[in-house]
Amino acid sequence: MTGNPLLDLLVLAIPAALAGLWWTGSRARELAIGHARQACRQQQLQFLDQSVALNRMRLARTPAGASCFRREYRFEFTSAGEFRDEASVTMLGHALLNVRFPYTRDSEGNRIYMH
């Protein structure tokens, strides 16, 4: 290629790393959509737009100590079809860390906001 082995290695490694990042990100996003959909179903909410949006991504470690990305996705939902509310799904690698809604409901169906 260029005659410089290090440069040749970089020319091959950088596109491979980008493809790997895209591949793992796509899988994490698919899993986040499934978790958001399931959480909405469990809370008797409607998952809107059938999608999530990446809000934040950073390097992290799994409980076993392996390096991975911690990705936070935002999604929208509605309880009565009148208002769009936003919640989040956090993934640690391909594992679900949590799903957070801005409020819960009491026994009478009233919203109780979490701080």
PDB file of N, CA and C in Angstrom:
ATOM      1  N   MET A   1       0.838  -1.190   0.000  1.00  0.00           N
ATOM      2  CA  MET A   1       0.000   0.000   0.000  1.00  0.00           C
ATOM      3  C   MET A   1       0.884   1.255   0.000  1.00  0.00           C
ATOM      4  N   THR A   2       1.232   1.798   1.180  1.00  0.00           N
ATOM      5  CA  THR A   2       2.033   3.021   1.211  1.00  0.00           C
ATOM      6  C   THR A   2       3.498   2.746   1.472  1.00  0.00           C
ATOM      7  N   GLY A   3       3.845   1.536   1.901  1.00  0.00           N
ATOM      8  CA  GLY A   3       5.214   1.226   2.239  1.00  0.00           C
ATOM      9  C   GLY A   3       5.491   1.377   3.727  1.00  0.00           C
ATOM     10  N   ASN A   4       4.652   2.099   4.442  1.00  0.00           N
ATOM     11  CA  ASN A   4       4.789   2.255   5.887  1.00  0.00           C
ATOM     12  C   ASN A   4       3.816   1.284   6.550  1.00  0.00           C
ATOM     13  N   PRO A   5       4.321   0.238   7.247  1.00  0.00           N
ATOM     14  CA  PRO A   5       3.426  -0.771   7.828  1.00  0.00           C
ATOM     15  C   PRO A   5       2.433  -0.189   8.842  1.00  0.00           C
ATOM     16  N   LEU A   6       2.861   0.786   9.629  1.00  0.00           N
ATOM     17  CA  LEU A   6       1.961   1.385  10.622  1.00  0.00           C
ATOM     18  C   LEU A   6       0.819   2.132   9.938  1.00  0.00           C
ATOM     19  N   LEU A   7       1.148   2.867   8.910  1.00  0.00           N
ATOM     20  CA  LEU A   7       0.121   3.600   8.167  1.00  0.00           C
ATOM     21  C   LEU A   7      -0.840   2.635   7.473  1.00  0.00           C
ATOM     22  N   ASP A   8      -0.290   1.558   6.911  1.00  0.00           N
ATOM     23  CA  ASP A   8      -1.136   0.536   6.285  1.00  0.00           C
ATOM     24  C   ASP A   8      -2.098  -0.068   7.294  1.00  0.00           C
ATOM     25  N   LEU A   9      -1.602  -0.331   8.505  1.00  0.00           N
ATOM     26  CA  LEU A   9      -2.447  -0.892   9.560  1.00  0.00           C
ATOM     27  C   LEU A   9      -3.561   0.083   9.943  1.00  0.00           C
ATOM     28  N   LEU A  10      -3.222   1.359  10.073  1.00  0.00           N
ATOM     29  CA  LEU A  10      -4.231   2.369  10.406  1.00  0.00           C
ATOM     30  C   LEU A  10      -5.288   2.501   9.319  1.00  0.00           C
ATOM     31  N   VAL A  11      -4.867   2.435   8.072  1.00  0.00           N
ATOM     32  CA  VAL A  11      -5.804   2.533   6.948  1.00  0.00           C
ATOM     33  C   VAL A  11      -6.832   1.403   7.009  1.00  0.00           C
ATOM     34  N   LEU A  12      -6.427   0.244   7.497  1.00  0.00           N
ATOM     35  CA  LEU A  12      -7.351  -0.890   7.619  1.00  0.00           C
ATOM     36  C   LEU A  12      -8.115  -0.864   8.948  1.00  0.00           C
ATOM     37  N   ALA A  13      -7.442  -0.458  10.019  1.00  0.00           N
ATOM     38  CA  ALA A  13      -8.044  -0.531  11.351  1.00  0.00           C
ATOM     39  C   ALA A  13      -9.131   0.512  11.585  1.00  0.00           C
ATOM     40  N   ILE A  14      -8.935   1.713  11.101  1.00  0.00           N
ATOM     41  CA  ILE A  14      -9.918   2.774  11.366  1.00  0.00           C
ATOM     42  C   ILE A  14     -11.278   2.460  10.744  1.00  0.00           C
ATOM     43  N   PRO A  15     -11.375   2.084   9.469  1.00  0.00           N
ATOM     44  CA  PRO A  15     -12.691   1.723   8.939  1.00  0.00           C
ATOM     45  C   PRO A  15     -13.308   0.502   9.640  1.00  0.00           C
ATOM     46  N   ALA A  16     -12.463  -0.457  10.031  1.00  0.00           N
ATOM     47  CA  ALA A  16     -12.979  -1.629  10.741  1.00  0.00           C
ATOM     48  C   ALA A  16     -13.553  -1.223  12.108  1.00  0.00           C
ATOM     49  N   ALA A  17     -12.868  -0.327  12.811  1.00  0.00           N
ATOM     50  CA  ALA A  17     -13.359   0.142  14.103  1.00  0.00           C
ATOM     51  C   ALA A  17     -14.667   0.917  13.957  1.00  0.00           C
ATOM     52  N   LEU A  18     -14.759   1.750  12.939  1.00  0.00           N
ATOM     53  CA  LEU A  18     -16.001   2.505  12.695  1.00  0.00           C
ATOM     54  C   LEU A  18     -17.159   1.573  12.349  1.00  0.00           C
ATOM     55  N   ALA A  19     -16.879   0.554  11.541  1.00  0.00           N
ATOM     56  CA  ALA A  19     -17.926  -0.414  11.203  1.00  0.00           C
ATOM     57  C   ALA A  19     -18.374  -1.168  12.447  1.00  0.00           C
ATOM     58  N   GLY A  20     -17.439  -1.538  13.303  1.00  0.00           N
ATOM     59  CA  GLY A  20     -17.791  -2.221  14.548  1.00  0.00           C
ATOM     60  C   GLY A  20     -18.612  -1.348  15.468  1.00  0.00           C
ATOM     61  N   LEU A  21     -18.252  -0.079  15.569  1.00  0.00           N
ATOM     62  CA  LEU A  21     -19.014   0.865  16.398  1.00  0.00           C
ATOM     63  C   LEU A  21     -20.435   1.010  15.874  1.00  0.00           C
ATOM     64  N   TRP A  22     -20.567   1.127  14.561  1.00  0.00           N
ATOM     65  CA  TRP A  22     -21.901   1.237  13.962  1.00  0.00           C
ATOM     66  C   TRP A  22     -22.709  -0.037  14.231  1.00  0.00           C
ATOM     67  N   TRP A  23     -22.080  -1.192  14.069  1.00  0.00           N
ATOM     68  CA  TRP A  23     -22.767  -2.479  14.247  1.00  0.00           C
ATOM     69  C   TRP A  23     -23.270  -2.638  15.680  1.00  0.00           C
ATOM     70  N   THR A  24     -22.410  -2.389  16.668  1.00  0.00           N
ATOM     71  CA  THR A  24     -22.839  -2.544  18.059  1.00  0.00           C
ATOM     72  C   THR A  24     -23.872  -1.481  18.436  1.00  0.00           C
ATOM     73  N   GLY A  25     -23.741  -0.278  17.882  1.00  0.00           N
ATOM     74  CA  GLY A  25     -24.719   0.774  18.146  1.00  0.00           C
ATOM     75  C   GLY A  25     -26.091   0.441  17.588  1.00  0.00           C
ATOM     76  N   SER A  26     -26.118  -0.166  16.406  1.00  0.00           N
ATOM     77  CA  SER A  26     -27.396  -0.563  15.798  1.00  0.00           C
ATOM     78  C   SER A  26     -28.094  -1.617  16.640  1.00  0.00           C
ATOM     79  N   ARG A  27     -27.319  -2.583  17.131  1.00  0.00           N
ATOM     80  CA  ARG A  27     -27.902  -3.649  17.958  1.00  0.00           C
ATOM     81  C   ARG A  27     -28.404  -3.086  19.286  1.00  0.00           C
ATOM     82  N   ALA A  28     -27.628  -2.201  19.906  1.00  0.00           N
ATOM     83  CA  ALA A  28     -28.053  -1.589  21.174  1.00  0.00           C
ATOM     84  C   ALA A  28     -29.336  -0.791  20.971  1.00  0.00           C
ATOM     85  N   ARG A  29     -29.449  -0.089  19.863  1.00  0.00           N
ATOM     86  CA  ARG A  29     -30.654   0.698  19.563  1.00  0.00           C
ATOM     87  C   ARG A  29     -31.862  -0.212  19.389  1.00  0.00           C
ATOM     88  N   GLU A  30     -31.702  -1.320  18.658  1.00  0.00           N
ATOM     89  CA  GLU A  30     -32.801  -2.272  18.484  1.00  0.00           C
ATOM     90  C   GLU A  30     -33.274  -2.811  19.834  1.00  0.00           C
ATOM     91  N   LEU A  31     -32.320  -3.154  20.690  1.00  0.00           N
ATOM     92  CA  LEU A  31     -32.676  -3.660  22.023  1.00  0.00           C
ATOM     93  C   LEU A  31     -33.368  -2.583  22.850  1.00  0.00           C
ATOM     94  N   ALA A  32     -32.901  -1.339  22.755  1.00  0.00           N
ATOM     95  CA  ALA A  32     -33.521  -0.233  23.495  1.00  0.00           C
ATOM     96  C   ALA A  32     -34.962  -0.014  23.057  1.00  0.00           C
ATOM     97  N   ILE A  33     -35.223  -0.137  21.764  1.00  0.00           N
ATOM     98  CA  ILE A  33     -36.602  -0.008  21.271  1.00  0.00           C
ATOM     99  C   ILE A  33     -37.477  -1.090  21.889  1.00  0.00           C
ATOM    100  N   GLY A  34     -36.984  -2.310  21.920  1.00  0.00           N
ATOM    101  CA  GLY A  34     -37.747  -3.407  22.524  1.00  0.00           C
ATOM    102  C   GLY A  34     -38.011  -3.176  24.001  1.00  0.00           C
ATOM    103  N   HIS A  35     -37.015  -2.695  24.741  1.00  0.00           N
ATOM    104  CA  HIS A  35     -37.196  -2.427  26.171  1.00  0.00           C
ATOM    105  C   HIS A  35     -38.175  -1.276  26.399  1.00  0.00           C
ATOM    106  N   ALA A  36     -38.105  -0.233  25.574  1.00  0.00           N
ATOM    107  CA  ALA A  36     -39.036   0.897  25.702  1.00  0.00           C
ATOM    108  C   ALA A  36     -40.463   0.433  25.424  1.00  0.00           C
ATOM    109  N   ARG A  37     -40.623  -0.356  24.377  1.00  0.00           N
ATOM    110  CA  ARG A  37     -41.947  -0.873  24.019  1.00  0.00           C
ATOM    111  C   ARG A  37     -42.515  -1.729  25.157  1.00  0.00           C
ATOM    112  N   GLN A  38     -41.695  -2.605  25.696  1.00  0.00           N
ATOM    113  CA  GLN A  38     -42.149  -3.482  26.782  1.00  0.00           C
ATOM    114  C   GLN A  38     -42.478  -2.685  28.043  1.00  0.00           C
ATOM    115  N   ALA A  39     -41.641  -1.704  28.384  1.00  0.00           N
ATOM    116  CA  ALA A  39     -41.906  -0.887  29.569  1.00  0.00           C
ATOM    117  C   ALA A  39     -43.206  -0.106  29.421  1.00  0.00           C
ATOM    118  N   CYS A  40     -43.470   0.426  28.227  1.00  0.00           N
ATOM    119  CA  CYS A  40     -44.730   1.141  27.985  1.00  0.00           C
ATOM    120  C   CYS A  40     -45.921   0.201  28.139  1.00  0.00           C
ATOM    121  N   ARG A  41     -45.807  -0.986  27.599  1.00  0.00           N
ATOM    122  CA  ARG A  41     -46.881  -1.972  27.710  1.00  0.00           C
ATOM    123  C   ARG A  41     -47.155  -2.303  29.177  1.00  0.00           C
ATOM    124  N   GLN A  42     -46.091  -2.499  29.964  1.00  0.00           N
ATOM    125  CA  GLN A  42     -46.250  -2.820  31.384  1.00  0.00           C
ATOM    126  C   GLN A  42     -46.888  -1.677  32.160  1.00  0.00           C
ATOM    127  N   GLN A  43     -46.609  -0.429  31.753  1.00  0.00           N
ATOM    128  CA  GLN A  43     -47.175   0.741  32.431  1.00  0.00           C
ATOM    129  C   GLN A  43     -48.518   1.165  31.826  1.00  0.00           C
ATOM    130  N   GLN A  44     -48.993   0.411  30.857  1.00  0.00           N
ATOM    131  CA  GLN A  44     -50.235   0.712  30.132  1.00  0.00           C
ATOM    132  C   GLN A  44     -50.158   2.084  29.462  1.00  0.00           C
ATOM    133  N   LEU A  45     -49.040   2.307  28.776  1.00  0.00           N
ATOM    134  CA  LEU A  45     -48.803   3.541  28.040  1.00  0.00           C
ATOM    135  C   LEU A  45     -48.632   3.205  26.570  1.00  0.00           C
ATOM    136  N   GLN A  46     -48.779   4.205  25.727  1.00  0.00           N
ATOM    137  CA  GLN A  46     -48.584   4.010  24.294  1.00  0.00           C
ATOM    138  C   GLN A  46     -47.200   4.511  23.912  1.00  0.00           C
ATOM    139  N   PHE A  47     -46.393   3.624  23.334  1.00  0.00           N
ATOM    140  CA  PHE A  47     -45.054   3.949  22.853  1.00  0.00           C
ATOM    141  C   PHE A  47     -45.217   4.667  21.521  1.00  0.00           C
ATOM    142  N   LEU A  48     -44.779   5.929  21.449  1.00  0.00           N
ATOM    143  CA  LEU A  48     -44.994   6.738  20.255  1.00  0.00           C
ATOM    144  C   LEU A  48     -43.823   6.639  19.280  1.00  0.00           C
ATOM    145  N   ASP A  49     -44.119   6.742  18.019  1.00  0.00           N
ATOM    146  CA  ASP A  49     -43.155   6.786  16.918  1.00  0.00           C
ATOM    147  C   ASP A  49     -42.368   5.492  16.727  1.00  0.00           C
ATOM    148  N   GLN A  50     -42.546   4.515  17.607  1.00  0.00           N
ATOM    149  CA  GLN A  50     -41.884   3.217  17.493  1.00  0.00           C
ATOM    150  C   GLN A  50     -40.378   3.355  17.333  1.00  0.00           C
ATOM    151  N   SER A  51     -39.787   4.346  18.020  1.00  0.00           N
ATOM    152  CA  SER A  51     -38.362   4.591  17.866  1.00  0.00           C
ATOM    153  C   SER A  51     -37.778   5.228  19.123  1.00  0.00           C
ATOM    154  N   VAL A  52     -36.445   5.171  19.216  1.00  0.00           N
ATOM    155  CA  VAL A  52     -35.707   5.855  20.269  1.00  0.00           C
ATOM    156  C   VAL A  52     -34.639   6.717  19.602  1.00  0.00           C
ATOM    157  N   ALA A  53     -34.156   7.722  20.320  1.00  0.00           N
ATOM    158  CA  ALA A  53     -33.105   8.600  19.800  1.00  0.00           C
ATOM    159  C   ALA A  53     -31.944   8.605  20.787  1.00  0.00           C
ATOM    160  N   LEU A  54     -30.734   8.438  20.274  1.00  0.00           N
ATOM    161  CA  LEU A  54     -29.553   8.456  21.121  1.00  0.00           C
ATOM    162  C   LEU A  54     -29.391   9.849  21.712  1.00  0.00           C
ATOM    163  N   ASN A  55     -29.328   9.924  23.037  1.00  0.00           N
ATOM    164  CA  ASN A  55     -29.197  11.192  23.730  1.00  0.00           C
ATOM    165  C   ASN A  55     -27.775  11.403  24.245  1.00  0.00           C
ATOM    166  N   ARG A  56     -27.150  10.306  24.697  1.00  0.00           N
ATOM    167  CA  ARG A  56     -25.827  10.420  25.296  1.00  0.00           C
ATOM    168  C   ARG A  56     -25.110   9.079  25.172  1.00  0.00           C
ATOM    169  N   MET A  57     -23.792   9.133  24.932  1.00  0.00           N
ATOM    170  CA  MET A  57     -22.994   7.921  24.860  1.00  0.00           C
ATOM    171  C   MET A  57     -21.640   8.199  25.487  1.00  0.00           C
ATOM    172  N   ARG A  58     -21.197   7.270  26.342  1.00  0.00           N
ATOM    173  CA  ARG A  58     -19.881   7.426  26.951  1.00  0.00           C
ATOM    174  C   ARG A  58     -19.284   6.050  27.234  1.00  0.00           C
ATOM    175  N   LEU A  59     -17.993   6.011  27.415  1.00  0.00           N
ATOM    176  CA  LEU A  59     -17.326   4.767  27.771  1.00  0.00           C
ATOM    177  C   LEU A  59     -17.661   4.410  29.208  1.00  0.00           C
ATOM    178  N   ALA A  60     -17.811   3.118  29.466  1.00  0.00           N
ATOM    179  CA  ALA A  60     -18.128   2.645  30.810  1.00  0.00           C
ATOM    180  C   ALA A  60     -17.547   1.244  30.975  1.00  0.00           C
ATOM    181  N   ARG A  61     -17.748   0.680  32.133  1.00  0.00           N
ATOM    182  CA  ARG A  61     -17.320  -0.693  32.406  1.00  0.00           C
ATOM    183  C   ARG A  61     -18.507  -1.511  32.882  1.00  0.00           C
ATOM    184  N   THR A  62     -18.540  -2.760  32.463  1.00  0.00           N
ATOM    185  CA  THR A  62     -19.573  -3.689  32.936  1.00  0.00           C
ATOM    186  C   THR A  62     -19.221  -4.088  34.364  1.00  0.00           C
ATOM    187  N   PRO A  63     -20.146  -4.721  35.085  1.00  0.00           N
ATOM    188  CA  PRO A  63     -19.819  -5.204  36.435  1.00  0.00           C
ATOM    189  C   PRO A  63     -18.619  -6.163  36.445  1.00  0.00           C
ATOM    190  N   ALA A  64     -18.394  -6.856  35.326  1.00  0.00           N
ATOM    191  CA  ALA A  64     -17.250  -7.766  35.236  1.00  0.00           C
ATOM    192  C   ALA A  64     -15.949  -7.034  34.909  1.00  0.00           C
ATOM    193  N   GLY A  65     -16.019  -5.738  34.614  1.00  0.00           N
ATOM    194  CA  GLY A  65     -14.830  -4.953  34.349  1.00  0.00           C
ATOM    195  C   GLY A  65     -14.497  -4.746  32.884  1.00  0.00           C
ATOM    196  N   ALA A  66     -15.307  -5.282  31.980  1.00  0.00           N
ATOM    197  CA  ALA A  66     -15.049  -5.114  30.543  1.00  0.00           C
ATOM    198  C   ALA A  66     -15.459  -3.715  30.091  1.00  0.00           C
ATOM    199  N   SER A  67     -14.743  -3.168  29.133  1.00  0.00           N
ATOM    200  CA  SER A  67     -15.089  -1.866  28.567  1.00  0.00           C
ATOM    201  C   SER A  67     -16.274  -1.992  27.631  1.00  0.00           C
ATOM    202  N   CYS A  68     -17.143  -1.002  27.666  1.00  0.00           N
ATOM    203  CA  CYS A  68     -18.300  -0.975  26.770  1.00  0.00           C
ATOM    204  C   CYS A  68     -18.788   0.469  26.695  1.00  0.00           C
ATOM    205  N   PHE A  69     -19.843   0.660  25.940  1.00  0.00           N
ATOM    206  CA  PHE A  69     -20.462   1.981  25.867  1.00  0.00           C
ATOM    207  C   PHE A  69     -21.737   1.986  26.695  1.00  0.00           C
ATOM    208  N   ARG A  70     -21.934   3.076  27.407  1.00  0.00           N
ATOM    209  CA  ARG A  70     -23.199   3.321  28.101  1.00  0.00           C
ATOM    210  C   ARG A  70     -23.952   4.297  27.222  1.00  0.00           C
ATOM    211  N   ARG A  71     -25.107   3.861  26.727  1.00  0.00           N
ATOM    212  CA  ARG A  71     -25.900   4.685  25.811  1.00  0.00           C
ATOM    213  C   ARG A  71     -27.242   5.008  26.460  1.00  0.00           C
ATOM    214  N   GLU A  72     -27.603   6.290  26.418  1.00  0.00           N
ATOM    215  CA  GLU A  72     -28.917   6.714  26.910  1.00  0.00           C
ATOM    216  C   GLU A  72     -29.748   7.142  25.711  1.00  0.00           C
ATOM    217  N   TYR A  73     -30.908   6.527  25.596  1.00  0.00           N
ATOM    218  CA  TYR A  73     -31.832   6.835  24.508  1.00  0.00           C
ATOM    219  C   TYR A  73     -33.066   7.510  25.096  1.00  0.00           C
ATOM    220  N   ARG A  74     -33.637   8.426  24.357  1.00  0.00           N
ATOM    221  CA  ARG A  74     -34.904   9.074  24.721  1.00  0.00           C
ATOM    222  C   ARG A  74     -35.999   8.517  23.830  1.00  0.00           C
ATOM    223  N   PHE A  75     -37.204   8.420  24.398  1.00  0.00           N
ATOM    224  CA  PHE A  75     -38.360   8.031  23.598  1.00  0.00           C
ATOM    225  C   PHE A  75     -39.580   8.752  24.134  1.00  0.00           C
ATOM    226  N   GLU A  76     -40.606   8.802  23.309  1.00  0.00           N
ATOM    227  CA  GLU A  76     -41.834   9.492  23.699  1.00  0.00           C
ATOM    228  C   GLU A  76     -42.964   8.488  23.886  1.00  0.00           C
ATOM    229  N   PHE A  77     -43.853   8.843  24.799  1.00  0.00           N
ATOM    230  CA  PHE A  77     -45.006   8.000  25.109  1.00  0.00           C
ATOM    231  C   PHE A  77     -46.181   8.898  25.452  1.00  0.00           C
ATOM    232  N   THR A  78     -47.354   8.306  25.501  1.00  0.00           N
ATOM    233  CA  THR A  78     -48.547   9.032  25.931  1.00  0.00           C
ATOM    234  C   THR A  78     -49.394   8.097  26.781  1.00  0.00           C
ATOM    235  N   SER A  79     -50.124   8.697  27.714  1.00  0.00           N
ATOM    236  CA  SER A  79     -50.999   7.881  28.560  1.00  0.00           C
ATOM    237  C   SER A  79     -52.447   7.965  28.104  1.00  0.00           C
ATOM    238  N   ALA A  80     -52.847   9.097  27.591  1.00  0.00           N
ATOM    239  CA  ALA A  80     -54.239   9.259  27.184  1.00  0.00           C
ATOM    240  C   ALA A  80     -54.359   9.722  25.736  1.00  0.00           C
ATOM    241  N   GLY A  81     -53.257   9.836  25.055  1.00  0.00           N
ATOM    242  CA  GLY A  81     -53.294  10.277  23.671  1.00  0.00           C
ATOM    243  C   GLY A  81     -53.316  11.779  23.493  1.00  0.00           C
ATOM    244  N   GLU A  82     -53.330  12.530  24.593  1.00  0.00           N
ATOM    245  CA  GLU A  82     -53.394  13.981  24.494  1.00  0.00           C
ATOM    246  C   GLU A  82     -52.018  14.626  24.496  1.00  0.00           C
ATOM    247  N   PHE A  83     -51.124  14.134  25.348  1.00  0.00           N
ATOM    248  CA  PHE A  83     -49.826  14.768  25.533  1.00  0.00           C
ATOM    249  C   PHE A  83     -48.700  13.794  25.244  1.00  0.00           C
ATOM    250  N   ARG A  84     -47.609  14.330  24.711  1.00  0.00           N
ATOM    251  CA  ARG A  84     -46.399  13.532  24.484  1.00  0.00           C
ATOM    252  C   ARG A  84     -45.465  13.759  25.661  1.00  0.00           C
ATOM    253  N   ASP A  85     -45.084  12.698  26.307  1.00  0.00           N
ATOM    254  CA  ASP A  85     -44.116  12.779  27.392  1.00  0.00           C
ATOM    255  C   ASP A  85     -42.855  12.045  26.962  1.00  0.00           C
ATOM    256  N   GLU A  86     -41.743  12.356  27.617  1.00  0.00           N
ATOM    257  CA  GLU A  86     -40.468  11.768  27.265  1.00  0.00           C
ATOM    258  C   GLU A  86     -39.920  10.929  28.407  1.00  0.00           C
ATOM    259  N   ALA A  87     -39.352   9.787  28.068  1.00  0.00           N
ATOM    260  CA  ALA A  87     -38.721   8.887  29.039  1.00  0.00           C
ATOM    261  C   ALA A  87     -37.380   8.458  28.466  1.00  0.00           C
ATOM    262  N   SER A  88     -36.646   7.651  29.231  1.00  0.00           N
ATOM    263  CA  SER A  88     -35.325   7.243  28.750  1.00  0.00           C
ATOM    264  C   SER A  88     -35.074   5.762  29.005  1.00  0.00           C
ATOM    265  N   VAL A  89     -34.219   5.193  28.158  1.00  0.00           N
ATOM    266  CA  VAL A  89     -33.719   3.825  28.298  1.00  0.00           C
ATOM    267  C   VAL A  89     -32.208   3.942  28.330  1.00  0.00           C
ATOM    268  N   THR A  90     -31.574   3.318  29.320  1.00  0.00           N
ATOM    269  CA  THR A  90     -30.119   3.323  29.398  1.00  0.00           C
ATOM    270  C   THR A  90     -29.616   1.903  29.213  1.00  0.00           C
ATOM    271  N   MET A  91     -28.690   1.760  28.268  1.00  0.00           N
ATOM    272  CA  MET A  91     -28.096   0.463  27.952  1.00  0.00           C
ATOM    273  C   MET A  91     -26.624   0.497  28.341  1.00  0.00           C
ATOM    274  N   LEU A  92     -26.137  -0.588  28.935  1.00  0.00           N
ATOM    275  CA  LEU A  92     -24.726  -0.763  29.240  1.00  0.00           C
ATOM    276  C   LEU A  92     -24.245  -1.883  28.336  1.00  0.00           C
ATOM    277  N   GLY A  93     -23.591  -1.499  27.250  1.00  0.00           N
ATOM    278  CA  GLY A  93     -23.289  -2.475  26.203  1.00  0.00           C
ATOM    279  C   GLY A  93     -24.603  -2.874  25.557  1.00  0.00           C
ATOM    280  N   HIS A  94     -24.925  -4.162  25.587  1.00  0.00           N
ATOM    281  CA  HIS A  94     -26.205  -4.638  25.066  1.00  0.00           C
ATOM    282  C   HIS A  94     -27.153  -5.047  26.182  1.00  0.00           C
ATOM    283  N   ALA A  95     -26.812  -4.700  27.412  1.00  0.00           N
ATOM    284  CA  ALA A  95     -27.648  -5.046  28.567  1.00  0.00           C
ATOM    285  C   ALA A  95     -28.448  -3.822  29.010  1.00  0.00           C
ATOM    286  N   LEU A  96     -29.692  -4.059  29.399  1.00  0.00           N
ATOM    287  CA  LEU A  96     -30.541  -2.983  29.908  1.00  0.00           C
ATOM    288  C   LEU A  96     -30.056  -2.570  31.292  1.00  0.00           C
ATOM    289  N   LEU A  97     -29.822  -1.281  31.469  1.00  0.00           N
ATOM    290  CA  LEU A  97     -29.465  -0.753  32.783  1.00  0.00           C
ATOM    291  C   LEU A  97     -30.725  -0.254  33.486  1.00  0.00           C
ATOM    292  N   ASN A  98     -31.545   0.567  32.772  1.00  0.00           N
ATOM    293  CA  ASN A  98     -32.815   1.002  33.353  1.00  0.00           C
ATOM    294  C   ASN A  98     -33.699   1.668  32.301  1.00  0.00           C
ATOM    295  N   VAL A  99     -34.970   1.753  32.646  1.00  0.00           N
ATOM    296  CA  VAL A  99     -35.957   2.533  31.891  1.00  0.00           C
ATOM    297  C   VAL A  99     -36.545   3.510  32.894  1.00  0.00           C
ATOM    298  N   ARG A 100     -36.509   4.790  32.564  1.00  0.00           N
ATOM    299  CA  ARG A 100     -37.017   5.813  33.496  1.00  0.00           C
ATOM    300  C   ARG A 100     -38.156   6.601  32.862  1.00  0.00           C
ATOM    301  N   PHE A 101     -39.255   6.656  33.596  1.00  0.00           N
ATOM    302  CA  PHE A 101     -40.395   7.480  33.223  1.00  0.00           C
ATOM    303  C   PHE A 101     -40.411   8.689  34.158  1.00  0.00           C
ATOM    304  N   PRO A 102     -40.922   9.833  33.708  1.00  0.00           N
ATOM    305  CA  PRO A 102     -40.910  11.023  34.569  1.00  0.00           C
ATOM    306  C   PRO A 102     -41.914  10.953  35.716  1.00  0.00           C
ATOM    307  N   TYR A 103     -42.853  10.026  35.622  1.00  0.00           N
ATOM    308  CA  TYR A 103     -43.860   9.913  36.675  1.00  0.00           C
ATOM    309  C   TYR A 103     -44.393   8.487  36.748  1.00  0.00           C
ATOM    310  N   THR A 104     -45.051   8.208  37.874  1.00  0.00           N
ATOM    311  CA  THR A 104     -45.797   6.967  38.030  1.00  0.00           C
ATOM    312  C   THR A 104     -47.250   7.364  38.278  1.00  0.00           C
ATOM    313  N   ARG A 105     -48.096   6.395  38.462  1.00  0.00           N
ATOM    314  CA  ARG A 105     -49.500   6.684  38.738  1.00  0.00           C
ATOM    315  C   ARG A 105     -49.907   6.065  40.071  1.00  0.00           C
ATOM    316  N   ASP A 106     -50.805   6.777  40.789  1.00  0.00           N
ATOM    317  CA  ASP A 106     -51.313   6.217  42.034  1.00  0.00           C
ATOM    318  C   ASP A 106     -52.503   5.314  41.726  1.00  0.00           C
ATOM    319  N   SER A 107     -53.136   4.789  42.751  1.00  0.00           N
ATOM    320  CA  SER A 107     -54.234   3.836  42.567  1.00  0.00           C
ATOM    321  C   SER A 107     -55.441   4.454  41.861  1.00  0.00           C
ATOM    322  N   GLU A 108     -55.551   5.794  41.876  1.00  0.00           N
ATOM    323  CA  GLU A 108     -56.660   6.471  41.210  1.00  0.00           C
ATOM    324  C   GLU A 108     -56.302   6.939  39.801  1.00  0.00           C
ATOM    325  N   GLY A 109     -55.074   6.662  39.374  1.00  0.00           N
ATOM    326  CA  GLY A 109     -54.650   7.038  38.030  1.00  0.00           C
ATOM    327  C   GLY A 109     -54.018   8.408  37.925  1.00  0.00           C
ATOM    328  N   ASN A 110     -53.815   9.092  39.057  1.00  0.00           N
ATOM    329  CA  ASN A 110     -53.193  10.420  39.045  1.00  0.00           C
ATOM    330  C   ASN A 110     -51.679  10.304  38.873  1.00  0.00           C
ATOM    331  N   ARG A 111     -51.094  11.272  38.190  1.00  0.00           N
ATOM    332  CA  ARG A 111     -49.653  11.290  37.996  1.00  0.00           C
ATOM    333  C   ARG A 111     -48.926  11.669  39.284  1.00  0.00           C
ATOM    334  N   ILE A 112     -47.868  10.960  39.586  1.00  0.00           N
ATOM    335  CA  ILE A 112     -46.991  11.291  40.700  1.00  0.00           C
ATOM    336  C   ILE A 112     -45.605  11.454  40.094  1.00  0.00           C
ATOM    337  N   TYR A 113     -45.128  12.702  40.036  1.00  0.00           N
ATOM    338  CA  TYR A 113     -43.843  12.999  39.398  1.00  0.00           C
ATOM    339  C   TYR A 113     -42.690  12.610  40.302  1.00  0.00           C
ATOM    340  N   MET A 114     -41.655  12.067  39.681  1.00  0.00           N
ATOM    341  CA  MET A 114     -40.447  11.678  40.418  1.00  0.00           C
ATOM    342  C   MET A 114     -39.422  12.797  40.307  1.00  0.00           C
ATOM    343  N   HIS A 115     -38.733  13.055  41.367  1.00  0.00           N
ATOM    344  CA  HIS A 115     -37.728  14.128  41.356  1.00  0.00           C
ATOM    345  C   HIS A 115     -36.345  13.568  41.386  1.00  0.00           C
TER     346      HIS A 115
END
